[in-house]
Amino acid sequence: MLRKERAQVFVDVTGRRKRMMTVAGAVVATFSIVYIAVIGASVVEASDTAGLSTRATMIKR
């Protein structure tokens, strides 16, 4: 029985696609880190200015 080899559909011998995807991934990761840092800073700032406490408080009755 003969075995047929499957032809590759797309071959990028230059590595251009891999390089492009690596750069795109780095850009997305950088923006994600900056976004999370901005959100974190705004939450901390809001808790300071609004008089909110980050610690649990007990109400005495």
Protein backbone atom coordinates (compact mmCIF):
# COMPACT_ATOMS: atom_id res chain seq x y z
CA MET A 1 0.00 0.00 0.00
CA LEU A 2 1.41 3.37 -1.02
CA ARG A 3 1.45 6.18 1.46
CA LYS A 4 0.60 9.60 0.07
CA GLU A 5 2.40 12.50 1.63
CA ARG A 6 0.32 15.51 2.38
CA ALA A 7 1.41 18.69 0.67
CA GLN A 8 1.82 21.67 2.95
CA VAL A 9 -0.74 24.35 2.25
CA PHE A 10 1.35 27.32 3.32
CA VAL A 11 5.08 27.52 3.83
CA ASP A 12 6.72 30.74 4.93
CA VAL A 13 10.42 30.18 4.41
CA THR A 14 11.28 33.82 5.13
CA GLY A 15 9.88 33.81 8.68
CA ARG A 16 8.02 37.04 7.99
CA ARG A 17 4.69 35.80 9.33
CA LYS A 18 6.28 34.56 12.57
CA ARG A 19 8.10 37.86 13.06
CA MET A 20 4.90 39.83 12.41
CA MET A 21 2.90 37.74 14.89
CA THR A 22 5.66 38.07 17.51
CA VAL A 23 5.65 41.86 17.19
CA ALA A 24 1.85 41.98 17.26
CA GLY A 25 1.80 39.81 20.39
CA ALA A 26 4.36 42.03 22.10
CA VAL A 27 2.33 45.14 21.27
CA VAL A 28 -0.88 43.59 22.63
CA ALA A 29 0.90 42.42 25.79
CA THR A 30 2.38 45.90 26.36
CA PHE A 31 -0.98 47.62 25.96
CA SER A 32 -2.58 45.06 28.28
CA ILE A 33 -0.01 45.66 31.01
CA VAL A 34 -0.38 49.43 30.70
CA TYR A 35 -4.19 49.13 30.80
CA ILE A 36 -4.12 46.95 33.93
CA ALA A 37 -1.69 49.38 35.60
CA VAL A 38 -3.92 52.37 34.81
CA ILE A 39 -7.02 50.61 36.12
CA GLY A 40 -5.16 49.56 39.27
CA ALA A 41 -3.87 53.08 39.86
CA SER A 42 -7.33 54.58 39.38
CA VAL A 43 -8.86 52.12 41.86
CA VAL A 44 -6.20 52.96 44.46
CA GLU A 45 -6.62 56.68 43.83
CA ALA A 46 -10.43 56.45 44.04
CA SER A 47 -10.26 54.59 47.34
CA ASP A 48 -7.96 57.30 48.76
CA THR A 49 -10.03 60.30 47.61
CA ALA A 50 -13.47 58.85 48.34
CA GLY A 51 -12.62 57.91 51.89
CA LEU A 52 -13.01 54.23 51.18
CA SER A 53 -11.07 51.80 53.27
CA THR A 54 -9.24 48.82 51.88
CA ARG A 55 -9.48 47.10 55.26
CA ALA A 56 -12.56 45.42 56.60
CA THR A 57 -14.22 47.47 59.33
CA MET A 58 -16.55 46.31 62.06
CA ILE A 59 -19.57 48.42 62.89
CA LYS A 60 -20.22 48.59 66.64
CA ARG A 61 -23.84 48.69 67.70
